[in-house]
Amino acid sequence: MNNNVHNEQPGRYSRREIFRRFLAGSMASALTVIAGRSIAEDKPRENMQIDKGESVLGVDPTPEQMQRHLLAANEVARQTMHQGHHPFAAILIAADNETVLMTQGNINTVNHAESTLARLAAEKYTAEFLWGCTLYTTVEPCAMCAGTQYWANIGRLVYGMSERQLLDFTGANSENPTMDIPSRYVFAHSQKSIKVWGPVESVLEPIAKLHQYFWNK
């Protein structure tokens, strides 16, 4: 488990740059919805307390918060499955460990839930803001998704089922040739101390049931 605290402060943006990124993020989200490629859901930020002089990273989520957000992500995965996609989903939670900023289901083999969410989040929020956020995902991110989280500067990761456990369900299925590269391995070979929790035993059963149904049908 990687519990090291990141000692570097992400770069600050000028007001002009923040406004540019906000507009870019809004446009990206709008185009994605119009194209029918995403089921991302952006939550309003009007009530967000972004800066009160506290640490950007904030405090770590509790086990109860981890379980609750992972179960919520699994419901998004269930909806994604009913829409004809693979049952994977991710949720972005703010530094207060409660505010849901975005939800995202799997789209296709190159637009996974985690990588799509991380890209949209990087367009919408600053790197400093995202460093205090947590990415929750039903299944451990693959190397592509872990890399996208890294570049988006999302400081925490909580996943329900490991990639190795997923492999037991998918096997050699051509629709999902599952990798076996732990996200901790990816982050350990990077320059940021992203915190990782997972797998989370308390949510394995409902997540496993969804994948057992999907891959064995």
C-alpha atoms as a PDB file:
ATOM      1  CA  MET A   1       0.000   0.000   0.000  1.00  0.00           C
ATOM      2  CA  ASN A   2       1.386   3.404  -0.935  1.00  0.00           C
ATOM      3  CA  ASN A   3       0.702   5.764   1.953  1.00  0.00           C
ATOM      4  CA  ASN A   4       3.481   8.276   1.283  1.00  0.00           C
ATOM      5  CA  VAL A   5       2.435  11.896   1.238  1.00  0.00           C
ATOM      6  CA  HIS A   6       3.245  13.924  -1.847  1.00  0.00           C
ATOM      7  CA  ASN A   7       5.742  16.611  -0.857  1.00  0.00           C
ATOM      8  CA  GLU A   8       5.581  18.724  -3.981  1.00  0.00           C
ATOM      9  CA  GLN A   9       2.895  21.344  -4.493  1.00  0.00           C
ATOM     10  CA  PRO A  10       1.237  21.110  -7.903  1.00  0.00           C
ATOM     11  CA  GLY A  11       1.708  24.207 -10.025  1.00  0.00           C
ATOM     12  CA  ARG A  12      -0.678  27.103  -9.515  1.00  0.00           C
ATOM     13  CA  TYR A  13      -2.547  28.597 -12.447  1.00  0.00           C
ATOM     14  CA  SER A  14      -3.271  32.222 -13.217  1.00  0.00           C
ATOM     15  CA  ARG A  15      -6.901  33.353 -13.261  1.00  0.00           C
ATOM     16  CA  ARG A  16      -6.712  33.523 -17.043  1.00  0.00           C
ATOM     17  CA  GLU A  17      -5.460  29.925 -17.263  1.00  0.00           C
ATOM     18  CA  ILE A  18      -8.081  28.663 -14.816  1.00  0.00           C
ATOM     19  CA  PHE A  19     -10.811  30.336 -16.898  1.00  0.00           C
ATOM     20  CA  ARG A  20      -9.385  28.842 -20.098  1.00  0.00           C
ATOM     21  CA  ARG A  21      -9.302  25.355 -18.586  1.00  0.00           C
ATOM     22  CA  PHE A  22     -12.827  25.750 -17.241  1.00  0.00           C
ATOM     23  CA  LEU A  23     -14.139  26.702 -20.696  1.00  0.00           C
ATOM     24  CA  ALA A  24     -12.186  23.866 -22.310  1.00  0.00           C
ATOM     25  CA  GLY A  25     -13.591  21.384 -19.817  1.00  0.00           C
ATOM     26  CA  SER A  26     -17.154  22.578 -20.338  1.00  0.00           C
ATOM     27  CA  MET A  27     -16.757  22.341 -24.103  1.00  0.00           C
ATOM     28  CA  ALA A  28     -15.229  18.854 -23.887  1.00  0.00           C
ATOM     29  CA  SER A  29     -18.074  17.629 -21.705  1.00  0.00           C
ATOM     30  CA  ALA A  30     -20.670  19.141 -24.010  1.00  0.00           C
ATOM     31  CA  LEU A  31     -19.139  17.615 -27.128  1.00  0.00           C
ATOM     32  CA  THR A  32     -18.881  14.234 -25.414  1.00  0.00           C
ATOM     33  CA  VAL A  33     -22.545  14.205 -24.483  1.00  0.00           C
ATOM     34  CA  ILE A  34     -23.605  15.382 -27.958  1.00  0.00           C
ATOM     35  CA  ALA A  35     -21.547  12.608 -29.554  1.00  0.00           C
ATOM     36  CA  GLY A  36     -23.245  10.065 -27.325  1.00  0.00           C
ATOM     37  CA  ARG A  37     -19.945   8.578 -26.261  1.00  0.00           C
ATOM     38  CA  SER A  38     -20.038   9.185 -22.530  1.00  0.00           C
ATOM     39  CA  ILE A  39     -22.315   8.835 -19.554  1.00  0.00           C
ATOM     40  CA  ALA A  40     -20.170  11.176 -17.460  1.00  0.00           C
ATOM     41  CA  GLU A  41     -22.096  13.214 -14.944  1.00  0.00           C
ATOM     42  CA  ASP A  42     -20.621  16.497 -13.745  1.00  0.00           C
ATOM     43  CA  LYS A  43     -21.823  17.697 -10.379  1.00  0.00           C
ATOM     44  CA  PRO A  44     -22.231  21.445  -9.777  1.00  0.00           C
ATOM     45  CA  ARG A  45     -19.374  23.130  -7.960  1.00  0.00           C
ATOM     46  CA  GLU A  46     -21.220  26.168  -6.560  1.00  0.00           C
ATOM     47  CA  ASN A  47     -21.121  24.758  -3.018  1.00  0.00           C
ATOM     48  CA  MET A  48     -17.517  23.567  -3.167  1.00  0.00           C
ATOM     49  CA  GLN A  49     -15.090  25.078  -0.639  1.00  0.00           C
ATOM     50  CA  ILE A  50     -11.958  24.903  -2.780  1.00  0.00           C
ATOM     51  CA  ASP A  51      -9.508  26.925  -0.700  1.00  0.00           C
ATOM     52  CA  LYS A  52      -9.788  27.752   2.995  1.00  0.00           C
ATOM     53  CA  GLY A  53      -6.100  27.769   3.724  1.00  0.00           C
ATOM     54  CA  GLU A  54      -6.107  24.039   4.508  1.00  0.00           C
ATOM     55  CA  SER A  55      -3.848  21.389   3.033  1.00  0.00           C
ATOM     56  CA  VAL A  56      -4.667  20.663  -0.595  1.00  0.00           C
ATOM     57  CA  LEU A  57      -4.466  16.927   0.053  1.00  0.00           C
ATOM     58  CA  GLY A  58      -6.894  17.001   2.987  1.00  0.00           C
ATOM     59  CA  VAL A  59      -7.538  13.886   5.050  1.00  0.00           C
ATOM     60  CA  ASP A  60      -7.757  10.294   3.874  1.00  0.00           C
ATOM     61  CA  PRO A  61     -11.213   8.740   3.386  1.00  0.00           C
ATOM     62  CA  THR A  62     -12.553   6.465   6.122  1.00  0.00           C
ATOM     63  CA  PRO A  63     -13.353   2.787   5.490  1.00  0.00           C
ATOM     64  CA  GLU A  64     -17.068   3.683   5.608  1.00  0.00           C
ATOM     65  CA  GLN A  65     -16.608   6.360   2.950  1.00  0.00           C
ATOM     66  CA  MET A  66     -14.594   4.002   0.773  1.00  0.00           C
ATOM     67  CA  GLN A  67     -17.274   1.331   0.942  1.00  0.00           C
ATOM     68  CA  ARG A  68     -20.108   3.769   0.269  1.00  0.00           C
ATOM     69  CA  HIS A  69     -18.476   5.375  -2.768  1.00  0.00           C
ATOM     70  CA  LEU A  70     -17.411   2.026  -4.234  1.00  0.00           C
ATOM     71  CA  LEU A  71     -20.970   0.702  -3.949  1.00  0.00           C
ATOM     72  CA  ALA A  72     -22.197   3.869  -5.671  1.00  0.00           C
ATOM     73  CA  ALA A  73     -19.654   3.273  -8.433  1.00  0.00           C
ATOM     74  CA  ASN A  74     -20.900  -0.293  -8.796  1.00  0.00           C
ATOM     75  CA  GLU A  75     -24.417   1.040  -9.388  1.00  0.00           C
ATOM     76  CA  VAL A  76     -23.029   3.225 -12.176  1.00  0.00           C
ATOM     77  CA  ALA A  77     -21.351   0.088 -13.563  1.00  0.00           C
ATOM     78  CA  ARG A  78     -24.708  -1.697 -13.482  1.00  0.00           C
ATOM     79  CA  GLN A  79     -26.336   1.139 -15.421  1.00  0.00           C
ATOM     80  CA  THR A  80     -23.434   1.073 -17.863  1.00  0.00           C
ATOM     81  CA  MET A  81     -23.967  -2.652 -18.437  1.00  0.00           C
ATOM     82  CA  HIS A  82     -27.670  -2.096 -19.144  1.00  0.00           C
ATOM     83  CA  GLN A  83     -26.670   0.496 -21.734  1.00  0.00           C
ATOM     84  CA  GLY A  84     -24.672  -2.141 -23.592  1.00  0.00           C
ATOM     85  CA  HIS A  85     -21.168  -1.511 -22.242  1.00  0.00           C
ATOM     86  CA  HIS A  86     -18.799  -3.494 -20.052  1.00  0.00           C
ATOM     87  CA  PRO A  87     -19.669  -3.168 -16.326  1.00  0.00           C
ATOM     88  CA  PHE A  88     -16.930  -0.820 -15.184  1.00  0.00           C
ATOM     89  CA  ALA A  89     -17.379   2.597 -13.571  1.00  0.00           C
ATOM     90  CA  ALA A  90     -15.509   5.312 -11.721  1.00  0.00           C
ATOM     91  CA  ILE A  91     -16.436   8.219  -9.461  1.00  0.00           C
ATOM     92  CA  LEU A  92     -14.425  11.332  -8.630  1.00  0.00           C
ATOM     93  CA  ILE A  93     -14.810  12.564  -5.038  1.00  0.00           C
ATOM     94  CA  ALA A  94     -13.615  15.962  -3.807  1.00  0.00           C
ATOM     95  CA  ALA A  95     -11.119  16.546  -0.991  1.00  0.00           C
ATOM     96  CA  ASP A  96     -13.925  16.618   1.586  1.00  0.00           C
ATOM     97  CA  ASN A  97     -14.412  12.887   0.850  1.00  0.00           C
ATOM     98  CA  GLU A  98     -18.132  13.443   0.298  1.00  0.00           C
ATOM     99  CA  THR A  99     -18.820  15.682  -2.701  1.00  0.00           C
ATOM    100  CA  VAL A 100     -19.338  13.730  -5.930  1.00  0.00           C
ATOM    101  CA  LEU A 101     -17.745  15.706  -8.752  1.00  0.00           C
ATOM    102  CA  MET A 102     -18.115  13.273 -11.674  1.00  0.00           C
ATOM    103  CA  THR A 103     -19.280   9.758 -12.483  1.00  0.00           C
ATOM    104  CA  GLN A 104     -18.267   7.767 -15.542  1.00  0.00           C
ATOM    105  CA  GLY A 105     -19.047   4.384 -17.012  1.00  0.00           C
ATOM    106  CA  ASN A 106     -16.984   2.352 -19.459  1.00  0.00           C
ATOM    107  CA  ILE A 107     -17.335   3.362 -23.121  1.00  0.00           C
ATOM    108  CA  ASN A 108     -15.106   1.041 -25.137  1.00  0.00           C
ATOM    109  CA  THR A 109     -11.693  -0.635 -25.141  1.00  0.00           C
ATOM    110  CA  VAL A 110      -9.741   2.626 -25.451  1.00  0.00           C
ATOM    111  CA  ASN A 111     -12.117   4.818 -23.445  1.00  0.00           C
ATOM    112  CA  HIS A 112     -12.246   3.129 -20.064  1.00  0.00           C
ATOM    113  CA  ALA A 113     -14.227   4.654 -17.210  1.00  0.00           C
ATOM    114  CA  GLU A 114     -11.158   5.802 -15.275  1.00  0.00           C
ATOM    115  CA  SER A 115      -9.187   7.229 -18.196  1.00  0.00           C
ATOM    116  CA  THR A 116     -12.217   9.049 -19.603  1.00  0.00           C
ATOM    117  CA  LEU A 117     -13.081  10.522 -16.209  1.00  0.00           C
ATOM    118  CA  ALA A 118      -9.468  11.576 -15.584  1.00  0.00           C
ATOM    119  CA  ARG A 119      -9.220  13.307 -18.976  1.00  0.00           C
ATOM    120  CA  LEU A 120     -12.482  15.210 -18.468  1.00  0.00           C
ATOM    121  CA  ALA A 121     -11.509  16.111 -14.904  1.00  0.00           C
ATOM    122  CA  ALA A 122      -8.148  17.474 -16.070  1.00  0.00           C
ATOM    123  CA  GLU A 123      -9.988  19.717 -18.545  1.00  0.00           C
ATOM    124  CA  LYS A 124     -12.434  20.950 -15.931  1.00  0.00           C
ATOM    125  CA  TYR A 125     -10.346  21.352 -12.747  1.00  0.00           C
ATOM    126  CA  THR A 126      -6.851  22.558 -11.902  1.00  0.00           C
ATOM    127  CA  ALA A 127      -4.040  20.128 -11.125  1.00  0.00           C
ATOM    128  CA  GLU A 128      -3.820  21.532  -7.591  1.00  0.00           C
ATOM    129  CA  PHE A 129      -7.525  20.922  -6.974  1.00  0.00           C
ATOM    130  CA  LEU A 130      -7.368  17.364  -8.335  1.00  0.00           C
ATOM    131  CA  TRP A 131      -4.434  16.428  -6.120  1.00  0.00           C
ATOM    132  CA  GLY A 132      -6.818  16.508  -3.149  1.00  0.00           C
ATOM    133  CA  CYS A 133      -9.453  14.366  -4.889  1.00  0.00           C
ATOM    134  CA  THR A 134      -9.978  10.601  -4.865  1.00  0.00           C
ATOM    135  CA  LEU A 135     -10.743   8.378  -7.835  1.00  0.00           C
ATOM    136  CA  TYR A 136     -13.006   5.472  -6.893  1.00  0.00           C
ATOM    137  CA  THR A 137     -13.285   2.619  -9.349  1.00  0.00           C
ATOM    138  CA  THR A 138     -15.024  -0.743  -9.182  1.00  0.00           C
ATOM    139  CA  VAL A 139     -12.011  -2.555 -10.625  1.00  0.00           C
ATOM    140  CA  GLU A 140      -8.329  -1.646 -10.350  1.00  0.00           C
ATOM    141  CA  PRO A 141      -7.247   0.667 -13.195  1.00  0.00           C
ATOM    142  CA  CYS A 142      -5.239  -0.880 -16.005  1.00  0.00           C
ATOM    143  CA  ALA A 143      -1.852   0.599 -16.917  1.00  0.00           C
ATOM    144  CA  MET A 144      -3.503   3.031 -19.355  1.00  0.00           C
ATOM    145  CA  CYS A 145      -5.956   4.300 -16.744  1.00  0.00           C
ATOM    146  CA  ALA A 146      -3.388   4.516 -13.953  1.00  0.00           C
ATOM    147  CA  GLY A 147      -1.176   6.529 -16.281  1.00  0.00           C
ATOM    148  CA  THR A 148      -4.029   8.875 -17.138  1.00  0.00           C
ATOM    149  CA  GLN A 149      -4.792   9.369 -13.440  1.00  0.00           C
ATOM    150  CA  TYR A 150      -1.114  10.161 -12.883  1.00  0.00           C
ATOM    151  CA  TRP A 151      -1.034  12.816 -15.588  1.00  0.00           C
ATOM    152  CA  ALA A 152      -4.361  14.271 -14.457  1.00  0.00           C
ATOM    153  CA  ASN A 153      -2.786  14.647 -10.976  1.00  0.00           C
ATOM    154  CA  ILE A 154      -5.564  12.913  -9.019  1.00  0.00           C
ATOM    155  CA  GLY A 155      -3.896  12.229  -5.676  1.00  0.00           C
ATOM    156  CA  ARG A 156      -5.766   9.166  -4.369  1.00  0.00           C
ATOM    157  CA  LEU A 157      -7.125   5.905  -5.731  1.00  0.00           C
ATOM    158  CA  VAL A 158      -9.548   3.442  -4.151  1.00  0.00           C
ATOM    159  CA  TYR A 159     -10.545   0.324  -6.082  1.00  0.00           C
ATOM    160  CA  GLY A 160     -12.871  -2.540  -5.213  1.00  0.00           C
ATOM    161  CA  MET A 161     -11.576  -5.544  -7.152  1.00  0.00           C
ATOM    162  CA  SER A 162      -7.982  -6.084  -8.267  1.00  0.00           C
ATOM    163  CA  GLU A 163      -7.055  -6.595 -11.897  1.00  0.00           C
ATOM    164  CA  ARG A 164      -5.849 -10.100 -11.038  1.00  0.00           C
ATOM    165  CA  GLN A 165      -9.269 -10.902  -9.554  1.00  0.00           C
ATOM    166  CA  LEU A 166     -10.958  -9.532 -12.684  1.00  0.00           C
ATOM    167  CA  LEU A 167      -8.789 -11.806 -14.814  1.00  0.00           C
ATOM    168  CA  ASP A 168     -10.389 -14.790 -13.091  1.00  0.00           C
ATOM    169  CA  PHE A 169     -13.741 -13.678 -14.552  1.00  0.00           C
ATOM    170  CA  THR A 170     -12.689 -12.499 -18.016  1.00  0.00           C
ATOM    171  CA  GLY A 171     -10.043 -15.140 -18.758  1.00  0.00           C
ATOM    172  CA  ALA A 172      -9.053 -15.031 -22.417  1.00  0.00           C
ATOM    173  CA  ASN A 173     -12.226 -13.202 -23.459  1.00  0.00           C
ATOM    174  CA  SER A 174     -11.402 -11.312 -26.654  1.00  0.00           C
ATOM    175  CA  GLU A 175     -13.655  -8.417 -25.585  1.00  0.00           C
ATOM    176  CA  ASN A 176     -11.533  -7.757 -22.523  1.00  0.00           C
ATOM    177  CA  PRO A 177      -8.013  -9.254 -22.683  1.00  0.00           C
ATOM    178  CA  THR A 178      -7.325  -8.228 -19.085  1.00  0.00           C
ATOM    179  CA  MET A 179      -3.829  -7.061 -18.178  1.00  0.00           C
ATOM    180  CA  ASP A 180      -2.121  -8.002 -14.914  1.00  0.00           C
ATOM    181  CA  ILE A 181      -0.113  -4.899 -14.081  1.00  0.00           C
ATOM    182  CA  PRO A 182      -0.897  -3.579 -10.596  1.00  0.00           C
ATOM    183  CA  SER A 183      -1.616   0.142 -10.394  1.00  0.00           C
ATOM    184  CA  ARG A 184       0.801   0.360  -7.459  1.00  0.00           C
ATOM    185  CA  TYR A 185       3.553  -0.841  -9.809  1.00  0.00           C
ATOM    186  CA  VAL A 186       2.737   1.964 -12.263  1.00  0.00           C
ATOM    187  CA  PHE A 187       2.738   4.629  -9.538  1.00  0.00           C
ATOM    188  CA  ALA A 188       5.890   3.217  -7.929  1.00  0.00           C
ATOM    189  CA  HIS A 189       7.704   3.978 -11.189  1.00  0.00           C
ATOM    190  CA  SER A 190       6.512   7.576 -11.303  1.00  0.00           C
ATOM    191  CA  GLN A 191       7.425  10.870  -9.632  1.00  0.00           C
ATOM    192  CA  LYS A 192       4.253  11.370  -7.572  1.00  0.00           C
ATOM    193  CA  SER A 193       3.246   9.652  -4.349  1.00  0.00           C
ATOM    194  CA  ILE A 194      -0.334   8.743  -5.241  1.00  0.00           C
ATOM    195  CA  LYS A 195      -2.079   6.975  -2.363  1.00  0.00           C
ATOM    196  CA  VAL A 196      -3.743   3.654  -3.170  1.00  0.00           C
ATOM    197  CA  TRP A 197      -6.286   1.514  -1.306  1.00  0.00           C
ATOM    198  CA  GLY A 198      -7.575  -1.774  -2.640  1.00  0.00           C
ATOM    199  CA  PRO A 199      -8.864  -4.310  -3.101  1.00  0.00           C
ATOM    200  CA  VAL A 200     -11.634  -3.533  -0.594  1.00  0.00           C
ATOM    201  CA  GLU A 201     -12.953  -6.814   0.777  1.00  0.00           C
ATOM    202  CA  SER A 202     -16.301  -5.434   1.956  1.00  0.00           C
ATOM    203  CA  VAL A 203     -17.445  -4.646  -1.615  1.00  0.00           C
ATOM    204  CA  LEU A 204     -15.949  -7.599  -3.479  1.00  0.00           C
ATOM    205  CA  GLU A 205     -19.131  -9.674  -3.448  1.00  0.00           C
ATOM    206  CA  PRO A 206     -21.480  -7.203  -5.216  1.00  0.00           C
ATOM    207  CA  ILE A 207     -18.790  -6.230  -7.730  1.00  0.00           C
ATOM    208  CA  ALA A 208     -17.946  -9.883  -8.408  1.00  0.00           C
ATOM    209  CA  LYS A 209     -21.616 -10.777  -8.910  1.00  0.00           C
ATOM    210  CA  LEU A 210     -21.964  -8.131 -11.606  1.00  0.00           C
ATOM    211  CA  HIS A 211     -18.908  -9.387 -13.509  1.00  0.00           C
ATOM    212  CA  GLN A 212     -19.807 -13.034 -13.063  1.00  0.00           C
ATOM    213  CA  TYR A 213     -23.196 -12.351 -14.610  1.00  0.00           C
ATOM    214  CA  PHE A 214     -21.775 -10.303 -17.483  1.00  0.00           C
ATOM    215  CA  TRP A 215     -18.813 -12.453 -18.522  1.00  0.00           C
ATOM    216  CA  ASN A 216     -20.623 -15.780 -18.143  1.00  0.00           C
ATOM    217  CA  LYS A 217     -23.873 -14.884 -19.872  1.00  0.00           C
END
